[in-house]
PDB file of N, CA and C in Angstrom:
ATOM      1  N   MET A   1     138.138 144.374 101.654  1.00  0.00           N
ATOM      2  CA  MET A   1     138.036 143.214 102.521  1.00  0.00           C
ATOM      3  C   MET A   1     138.772 143.489 103.831  1.00  0.00           C
ATOM      4  N   THR A   2     138.704 142.612 104.765  1.00  0.00           N
ATOM      5  CA  THR A   2     139.315 142.793 106.069  1.00  0.00           C
ATOM      6  C   THR A   2     140.824 142.587 105.990  1.00  0.00           C
ATOM      7  N   SER A   3     141.570 143.523 106.532  1.00  0.00           N
ATOM      8  CA  SER A   3     143.014 143.363 106.627  1.00  0.00           C
ATOM      9  C   SER A   3     143.374 143.225 108.097  1.00  0.00           C
ATOM     10  N   ALA A   4     144.515 142.622 108.366  1.00  0.00           N
ATOM     11  CA  ALA A   4     144.945 142.437 109.753  1.00  0.00           C
ATOM     12  C   ALA A   4     145.114 143.776 110.448  1.00  0.00           C
ATOM     13  N   GLU A   5     145.492 144.803 109.683  1.00  0.00           N
ATOM     14  CA  GLU A   5     145.714 146.130 110.251  1.00  0.00           C
ATOM     15  C   GLU A   5     144.418 146.753 110.756  1.00  0.00           C
ATOM     16  N   ASP A   6     143.315 146.523 110.054  1.00  0.00           N
ATOM     17  CA  ASP A   6     142.054 147.160 110.403  1.00  0.00           C
ATOM     18  C   ASP A   6     141.132 146.305 111.264  1.00  0.00           C
ATOM     19  N   THR A   7     141.449 145.036 111.472  1.00  0.00           N
ATOM     20  CA  THR A   7     140.594 144.183 112.281  1.00  0.00           C
ATOM     21  C   THR A   7     140.860 144.428 113.757  1.00  0.00           C
ATOM     22  N   PRO A   8     139.840 144.832 114.514  1.00  0.00           N
ATOM     23  CA  PRO A   8     140.032 145.050 115.948  1.00  0.00           C
ATOM     24  C   PRO A   8     140.480 143.762 116.639  1.00  0.00           C
ATOM     25  N   PRO A   9     141.369 143.872 117.618  1.00  0.00           N
ATOM     26  CA  PRO A   9     141.872 142.679 118.307  1.00  0.00           C
ATOM     27  C   PRO A   9     140.849 142.150 119.303  1.00  0.00           C
ATOM     28  N   GLN A  10     139.756 141.654 118.795  1.00  0.00           N
ATOM     29  CA  GLN A  10     138.678 141.156 119.641  1.00  0.00           C
ATOM     30  C   GLN A  10     138.493 139.676 119.356  1.00  0.00           C
ATOM     31  N   THR A  11     138.630 138.860 120.381  1.00  0.00           N
ATOM     32  CA  THR A  11     138.462 137.425 120.194  1.00  0.00           C
ATOM     33  C   THR A  11     137.364 136.846 121.071  1.00  0.00           C
ATOM     34  N   ILE A  12     136.895 137.616 122.040  1.00  0.00           N
ATOM     35  CA  ILE A  12     135.825 137.184 122.940  1.00  0.00           C
ATOM     36  C   ILE A  12     134.685 138.194 122.865  1.00  0.00           C
ATOM     37  N   CYS A  13     133.468 137.713 122.760  1.00  0.00           N
ATOM     38  CA  CYS A  13     132.304 138.590 122.704  1.00  0.00           C
ATOM     39  C   CYS A  13     132.070 139.235 124.070  1.00  0.00           C
ATOM     40  N   PRO A  14     131.939 140.576 124.129  1.00  0.00           N
ATOM     41  CA  PRO A  14     131.704 141.242 125.414  1.00  0.00           C
ATOM     42  C   PRO A  14     130.293 141.007 125.960  1.00  0.00           C
ATOM     43  N   GLU A  15     129.386 140.528 125.131  1.00  0.00           N
ATOM     44  CA  GLU A  15     128.002 140.289 125.550  1.00  0.00           C
ATOM     45  C   GLU A  15     127.818 138.908 126.183  1.00  0.00           C
ATOM     46  N   CYS A  16     128.295 137.854 125.485  1.00  0.00           N
ATOM     47  CA  CYS A  16     128.035 136.482 125.951  1.00  0.00           C
ATOM     48  C   CYS A  16     129.305 135.710 126.294  1.00  0.00           C
ATOM     49  N   GLN A  17     130.469 136.332 126.123  1.00  0.00           N
ATOM     50  CA  GLN A  17     131.777 135.723 126.352  1.00  0.00           C
ATOM     51  C   GLN A  17     132.048 134.539 125.413  1.00  0.00           C
ATOM     52  N   GLY A  18     131.305 134.461 124.318  1.00  0.00           N
ATOM     53  CA  GLY A  18     131.549 133.424 123.317  1.00  0.00           C
ATOM     54  C   GLY A  18     132.767 133.769 122.469  1.00  0.00           C
ATOM     55  N   ASP A  19     133.282 132.768 121.764  1.00  0.00           N
ATOM     56  CA  ASP A  19     134.449 133.005 120.911  1.00  0.00           C
ATOM     57  C   ASP A  19     134.152 132.698 119.443  1.00  0.00           C
ATOM     58  N   ASN A  20     132.888 132.765 119.070  1.00  0.00           N
ATOM     59  CA  ASN A  20     132.462 132.472 117.708  1.00  0.00           C
ATOM     60  C   ASN A  20     132.267 133.789 116.942  1.00  0.00           C
ATOM     61  N   LEU A  21     133.357 134.575 116.814  1.00  0.00           N
ATOM     62  CA  LEU A  21     133.300 135.900 116.199  1.00  0.00           C
ATOM     63  C   LEU A  21     133.784 135.853 114.756  1.00  0.00           C
ATOM     64  N   TYR A  22     133.121 136.637 113.912  1.00  0.00           N
ATOM     65  CA  TYR A  22     133.480 136.740 112.505  1.00  0.00           C
ATOM     66  C   TYR A  22     133.635 138.205 112.139  1.00  0.00           C
ATOM     67  N   ALA A  23     134.613 138.508 111.284  1.00  0.00           N
ATOM     68  CA  ALA A  23     134.880 139.889 110.876  1.00  0.00           C
ATOM     69  C   ALA A  23     134.675 140.039 109.373  1.00  0.00           C
ATOM     70  N   HIS A  24     134.250 141.226 108.977  1.00  0.00           N
ATOM     71  CA  HIS A  24     134.110 141.571 107.557  1.00  0.00           C
ATOM     72  C   HIS A  24     134.476 143.038 107.411  1.00  0.00           C
ATOM     73  N   GLY A  25     135.166 143.382 106.355  1.00  0.00           N
ATOM     74  CA  GLY A  25     135.599 144.762 106.176  1.00  0.00           C
ATOM     75  C   GLY A  25     135.093 145.385 104.901  1.00  0.00           C
ATOM     76  N   GLY A  26     135.381 146.656 104.760  1.00  0.00           N
ATOM     77  CA  GLY A  26     135.017 147.368 103.555  1.00  0.00           C
ATOM     78  C   GLY A  26     133.555 147.742 103.452  1.00  0.00           C
ATOM     79  N   ILE A  27     132.868 147.842 104.574  1.00  0.00           N
ATOM     80  CA  ILE A  27     131.456 148.203 104.575  1.00  0.00           C
ATOM     81  C   ILE A  27     131.345 149.724 104.541  1.00  0.00           C
ATOM     82  N   ASN A  28     130.513 150.239 103.649  1.00  0.00           N
ATOM     83  CA  ASN A  28     130.339 151.687 103.525  1.00  0.00           C
ATOM     84  C   ASN A  28     129.571 152.255 104.707  1.00  0.00           C
ATOM     85  N   ALA A  29     130.047 153.377 105.224  1.00  0.00           N
ATOM     86  CA  ALA A  29     129.376 154.045 106.340  1.00  0.00           C
ATOM     87  C   ALA A  29     128.190 154.875 105.869  1.00  0.00           C
ATOM     88  N   ARG A  30     128.124 155.116 104.570  1.00  0.00           N
ATOM     89  CA  ARG A  30     127.035 155.917 104.019  1.00  0.00           C
ATOM     90  C   ARG A  30     126.330 155.093 102.953  1.00  0.00           C
ATOM     91  N   GLY A  31     125.135 154.609 103.296  1.00  0.00           N
ATOM     92  CA  GLY A  31     124.368 153.811 102.353  1.00  0.00           C
ATOM     93  C   GLY A  31     123.542 154.674 101.423  1.00  0.00           C
ATOM     94  N   GLY A  32     123.054 154.087 100.358  1.00  0.00           N
ATOM     95  CA  GLY A  32     122.254 154.823  99.399  1.00  0.00           C
ATOM     96  C   GLY A  32     120.954 155.348  99.983  1.00  0.00           C
ATOM     97  N   TYR A  33     120.328 154.577 100.861  1.00  0.00           N
ATOM     98  CA  TYR A  33     119.043 154.979 101.429  1.00  0.00           C
ATOM     99  C   TYR A  33     119.090 155.153 102.940  1.00  0.00           C
ATOM    100  N   GLY A  34     120.211 154.815 103.554  1.00  0.00           N
ATOM    101  CA  GLY A  34     120.327 154.923 105.002  1.00  0.00           C
ATOM    102  C   GLY A  34     121.056 156.182 105.420  1.00  0.00           C
ATOM    103  N   PRO A  35     121.194 156.376 106.725  1.00  0.00           N
ATOM    104  CA  PRO A  35     121.881 157.568 107.227  1.00  0.00           C
ATOM    105  C   PRO A  35     123.392 157.472 107.032  1.00  0.00           C
ATOM    106  N   ASP A  36     124.045 158.606 107.063  1.00  0.00           N
ATOM    107  CA  ASP A  36     125.504 158.666 107.038  1.00  0.00           C
ATOM    108  C   ASP A  36     125.964 158.390 108.465  1.00  0.00           C
ATOM    109  N   LEU A  37     126.513 157.207 108.715  1.00  0.00           N
ATOM    110  CA  LEU A  37     126.887 156.810 110.072  1.00  0.00           C
ATOM    111  C   LEU A  37     128.121 157.537 110.592  1.00  0.00           C
ATOM    112  N   LEU A  38     128.955 158.056 109.703  1.00  0.00           N
ATOM    113  CA  LEU A  38     130.162 158.787 110.096  1.00  0.00           C
ATOM    114  C   LEU A  38     130.219 160.092 109.306  1.00  0.00           C
ATOM    115  N   PRO A  39     129.351 161.064 109.642  1.00  0.00           N
ATOM    116  CA  PRO A  39     129.282 162.299 108.862  1.00  0.00           C
ATOM    117  C   PRO A  39     130.613 163.042 108.805  1.00  0.00           C
ATOM    118  N   GLY A  40     130.894 163.607 107.640  1.00  0.00           N
ATOM    119  CA  GLY A  40     132.114 164.382 107.454  1.00  0.00           C
ATOM    120  C   GLY A  40     133.329 163.560 107.085  1.00  0.00           C
ATOM    121  N   THR A  41     133.200 162.243 107.036  1.00  0.00           N
ATOM    122  CA  THR A  41     134.364 161.400 106.749  1.00  0.00           C
ATOM    123  C   THR A  41     134.348 160.828 105.341  1.00  0.00           C
ATOM    124  N   SER A  42     133.266 161.014 104.620  1.00  0.00           N
ATOM    125  CA  SER A  42     133.166 160.514 103.251  1.00  0.00           C
ATOM    126  C   SER A  42     133.460 161.632 102.270  1.00  0.00           C
ATOM    127  N   GLY A  43     133.982 161.253 101.114  1.00  0.00           N
ATOM    128  CA  GLY A  43     134.217 162.222 100.056  1.00  0.00           C
ATOM    129  C   GLY A  43     133.033 162.261  99.105  1.00  0.00           C
ATOM    130  N   VAL A  44     133.167 163.052  98.060  1.00  0.00           N
ATOM    131  CA  VAL A  44     132.098 163.170  97.071  1.00  0.00           C
ATOM    132  C   VAL A  44     131.877 161.842  96.356  1.00  0.00           C
ATOM    133  N   PHE A  45     132.960 161.164  96.003  1.00  0.00           N
ATOM    134  CA  PHE A  45     132.861 159.926  95.241  1.00  0.00           C
ATOM    135  C   PHE A  45     133.231 158.683  96.044  1.00  0.00           C
ATOM    136  N   SER A  46     133.490 158.846  97.331  1.00  0.00           N
ATOM    137  CA  SER A  46     133.865 157.684  98.140  1.00  0.00           C
ATOM    138  C   SER A  46     133.205 157.767  99.508  1.00  0.00           C
ATOM    139  N   SER A  47     132.936 156.611 100.062  1.00  0.00           N
ATOM    140  CA  SER A  47     132.308 156.528 101.378  1.00  0.00           C
ATOM    141  C   SER A  47     133.328 156.043 102.396  1.00  0.00           C
ATOM    142  N   ALA A  48     133.214 156.538 103.626  1.00  0.00           N
ATOM    143  CA  ALA A  48     134.070 156.044 104.707  1.00  0.00           C
ATOM    144  C   ALA A  48     133.799 154.553 104.890  1.00  0.00           C
ATOM    145  N   LYS A  49     134.804 153.824 105.297  1.00  0.00           N
ATOM    146  CA  LYS A  49     134.680 152.372 105.450  1.00  0.00           C
ATOM    147  C   LYS A  49     134.679 151.968 106.917  1.00  0.00           C
ATOM    148  N   MET A  50     134.005 150.861 107.179  1.00  0.00           N
ATOM    149  CA  MET A  50     133.955 150.298 108.527  1.00  0.00           C
ATOM    150  C   MET A  50     134.268 148.811 108.465  1.00  0.00           C
ATOM    151  N   GLN A  51     134.760 148.304 109.580  1.00  0.00           N
ATOM    152  CA  GLN A  51     134.925 146.869 109.786  1.00  0.00           C
ATOM    153  C   GLN A  51     133.779 146.420 110.690  1.00  0.00           C
ATOM    154  N   THR A  52     133.283 145.232 110.495  1.00  0.00           N
ATOM    155  CA  THR A  52     132.191 144.715 111.312  1.00  0.00           C
ATOM    156  C   THR A  52     132.615 143.404 111.950  1.00  0.00           C
ATOM    157  N   ILE A  53     132.258 143.240 113.220  1.00  0.00           N
ATOM    158  CA  ILE A  53     132.455 141.963 113.905  1.00  0.00           C
ATOM    159  C   ILE A  53     131.098 141.518 114.420  1.00  0.00           C
ATOM    160  N   VAL A  54     130.745 140.273 114.140  1.00  0.00           N
ATOM    161  CA  VAL A  54     129.469 139.731 114.606  1.00  0.00           C
ATOM    162  C   VAL A  54     129.727 138.442 115.386  1.00  0.00           C
ATOM    163  N   CYS A  55     129.010 138.287 116.490  1.00  0.00           N
ATOM    164  CA  CYS A  55     129.099 137.069 117.297  1.00  0.00           C
ATOM    165  C   CYS A  55     128.006 136.118 116.818  1.00  0.00           C
ATOM    166  N   ARG A  56     128.398 134.949 116.370  1.00  0.00           N
ATOM    167  CA  ARG A  56     127.409 133.978 115.903  1.00  0.00           C
ATOM    168  C   ARG A  56     126.739 133.247 117.055  1.00  0.00           C
ATOM    169  N   ASP A  57     127.193 133.470 118.275  1.00  0.00           N
ATOM    170  CA  ASP A  57     126.538 132.849 119.429  1.00  0.00           C
ATOM    171  C   ASP A  57     125.339 133.667 119.902  1.00  0.00           C
ATOM    172  N   CYS A  58     125.500 134.993 120.027  1.00  0.00           N
ATOM    173  CA  CYS A  58     124.411 135.822 120.567  1.00  0.00           C
ATOM    174  C   CYS A  58     123.889 136.864 119.584  1.00  0.00           C
ATOM    175  N   GLY A  59     124.614 137.112 118.489  1.00  0.00           N
ATOM    176  CA  GLY A  59     124.154 138.059 117.483  1.00  0.00           C
ATOM    177  C   GLY A  59     124.627 139.491 117.660  1.00  0.00           C
ATOM    178  N   LEU A  60     125.442 139.764 118.664  1.00  0.00           N
ATOM    179  CA  LEU A  60     125.957 141.122 118.853  1.00  0.00           C
ATOM    180  C   LEU A  60     126.761 141.540 117.622  1.00  0.00           C
ATOM    181  N   ILE A  61     126.511 142.751 117.146  1.00  0.00           N
ATOM    182  CA  ILE A  61     127.246 143.295 116.010  1.00  0.00           C
ATOM    183  C   ILE A  61     127.924 144.584 116.462  1.00  0.00           C
ATOM    184  N   ARG A  62     129.207 144.724 116.120  1.00  0.00           N
ATOM    185  CA  ARG A  62     129.949 145.951 116.423  1.00  0.00           C
ATOM    186  C   ARG A  62     130.599 146.455 115.151  1.00  0.00           C
ATOM    187  N   PHE A  63     130.551 147.778 114.974  1.00  0.00           N
ATOM    188  CA  PHE A  63     131.165 148.422 113.820  1.00  0.00           C
ATOM    189  C   PHE A  63     132.382 149.209 114.284  1.00  0.00           C
ATOM    190  N   TYR A  64     133.461 149.153 113.506  1.00  0.00           N
ATOM    191  CA  TYR A  64     134.690 149.876 113.807  1.00  0.00           C
ATOM    192  C   TYR A  64     135.109 150.664 112.573  1.00  0.00           C
ATOM    193  N   ALA A  65     135.420 151.935 112.754  1.00  0.00           N
ATOM    194  CA  ALA A  65     135.928 152.749 111.650  1.00  0.00           C
ATOM    195  C   ALA A  65     137.334 152.279 111.301  1.00  0.00           C
ATOM    196  N   THR A  66     137.653 152.273 110.004  1.00  0.00           N
ATOM    197  CA  THR A  66     139.003 151.909 109.580  1.00  0.00           C
ATOM    198  C   THR A  66     139.973 153.026 109.970  1.00  0.00           C
ATOM    199  N   ARG A  67     141.253 152.737 109.936  1.00  0.00           N
ATOM    200  CA  ARG A  67     142.272 153.741 110.289  1.00  0.00           C
ATOM    201  C   ARG A  67     142.171 154.966 109.374  1.00  0.00           C
ATOM    202  N   GLU A  68     141.934 154.731 108.106  1.00  0.00           N
ATOM    203  CA  GLU A  68     141.798 155.843 107.154  1.00  0.00           C
ATOM    204  C   GLU A  68     140.618 156.739 107.535  1.00  0.00           C
ATOM    205  N   THR A  69     139.518 156.135 107.939  1.00  0.00           N
ATOM    206  CA  THR A  69     138.341 156.903 108.352  1.00  0.00           C
ATOM    207  C   THR A  69     138.605 157.628 109.664  1.00  0.00           C
ATOM    208  N   LEU A  70     139.279 156.982 110.612  1.00  0.00           N
ATOM    209  CA  LEU A  70     139.588 157.618 111.899  1.00  0.00           C
ATOM    210  C   LEU A  70     140.399 158.895 111.720  1.00  0.00           C
ATOM    211  N   ALA A  71     141.257 158.918 110.712  1.00  0.00           N
ATOM    212  CA  ALA A  71     142.073 160.112 110.461  1.00  0.00           C
ATOM    213  C   ALA A  71     141.203 161.311 110.078  1.00  0.00           C
ATOM    214  N   ARG A  72     139.984 161.060 109.611  1.00  0.00           N
ATOM    215  CA  ARG A  72     139.080 162.141 109.205  1.00  0.00           C
ATOM    216  C   ARG A  72     138.092 162.542 110.297  1.00  0.00           C
ATOM    217  N   ILE A  73     138.191 161.942 111.470  1.00  0.00           N
ATOM    218  CA  ILE A  73     137.340 162.327 112.602  1.00  0.00           C
ATOM    219  C   ILE A  73     138.017 163.524 113.273  1.00  0.00           C
ATOM    220  N   THR A  74     137.622 164.721 112.862  1.00  0.00           N
ATOM    221  CA  THR A  74     138.244 165.952 113.358  1.00  0.00           C
ATOM    222  C   THR A  74     137.174 166.996 113.656  1.00  0.00           C
ATOM    223  N   PRO A  75     137.501 167.988 114.489  1.00  0.00           N
ATOM    224  CA  PRO A  75     136.554 169.087 114.730  1.00  0.00           C
ATOM    225  C   PRO A  75     136.171 169.818 113.439  1.00  0.00           C
ATOM    226  N   ASP A  76     137.089 169.882 112.480  1.00  0.00           N
ATOM    227  CA  ASP A  76     136.791 170.537 111.201  1.00  0.00           C
ATOM    228  C   ASP A  76     135.656 169.841 110.451  1.00  0.00           C
ATOM    229  N   ASN A  77     135.463 168.555 110.724  1.00  0.00           N
ATOM    230  CA  ASN A  77     134.403 167.781 110.078  1.00  0.00           C
ATOM    231  C   ASN A  77     133.164 167.648 110.962  1.00  0.00           C
ATOM    232  N   GLY A  78     133.097 168.453 112.037  1.00  0.00           N
ATOM    233  CA  GLY A  78     131.905 168.460 112.882  1.00  0.00           C
ATOM    234  C   GLY A  78     131.951 167.543 114.090  1.00  0.00           C
ATOM    235  N   TRP A  79     133.073 166.875 114.328  1.00  0.00           N
ATOM    236  CA  TRP A  79     133.186 165.965 115.468  1.00  0.00           C
ATOM    237  C   TRP A  79     133.735 166.719 116.673  1.00  0.00           C
ATOM    238  N   ARG A  80     133.272 166.347 117.865  1.00  0.00           N
ATOM    239  CA  ARG A  80     133.788 166.956 119.097  1.00  0.00           C
ATOM    240  C   ARG A  80     134.071 165.852 120.105  1.00  0.00           C
ATOM    241  N   LYS A  81     135.114 166.076 120.909  1.00  0.00           N
ATOM    242  CA  LYS A  81     135.445 165.129 121.975  1.00  0.00           C
ATOM    243  C   LYS A  81     134.370 165.176 123.036  1.00  0.00           C
ATOM    244  N   THR A  82     134.058 164.027 123.611  1.00  0.00           N
ATOM    245  CA  THR A  82     133.021 163.990 124.642  1.00  0.00           C
ATOM    246  C   THR A  82     133.555 164.344 126.013  1.00  0.00           C
ATOM    247  N   ARG A  83     134.844 164.322 126.203  1.00  0.00           N
ATOM    248  CA  ARG A  83     135.470 164.686 127.481  1.00  0.00           C
ATOM    249  C   ARG A  83     136.571 165.658 127.253  1.00  0.00           C
TER     250      ARG A  83
END
């Protein structure tokens, strides 16, 4: 579930400037039939987790990797810095 530590400090929607935002945590980054959204961050028996924030005013959805998942975003796992 969502913890205060993993919830992004977002209170205003960047799309519509509404304040009707809802958060949910513990969403798997690798679904059974979908793509692996964070490759290299999941284990054999566990999937990387994401937090989701959705604006009920305009429908914008944003996904955020949890701190535990961010620690696994490394060049060794195939990730590269864009700058």
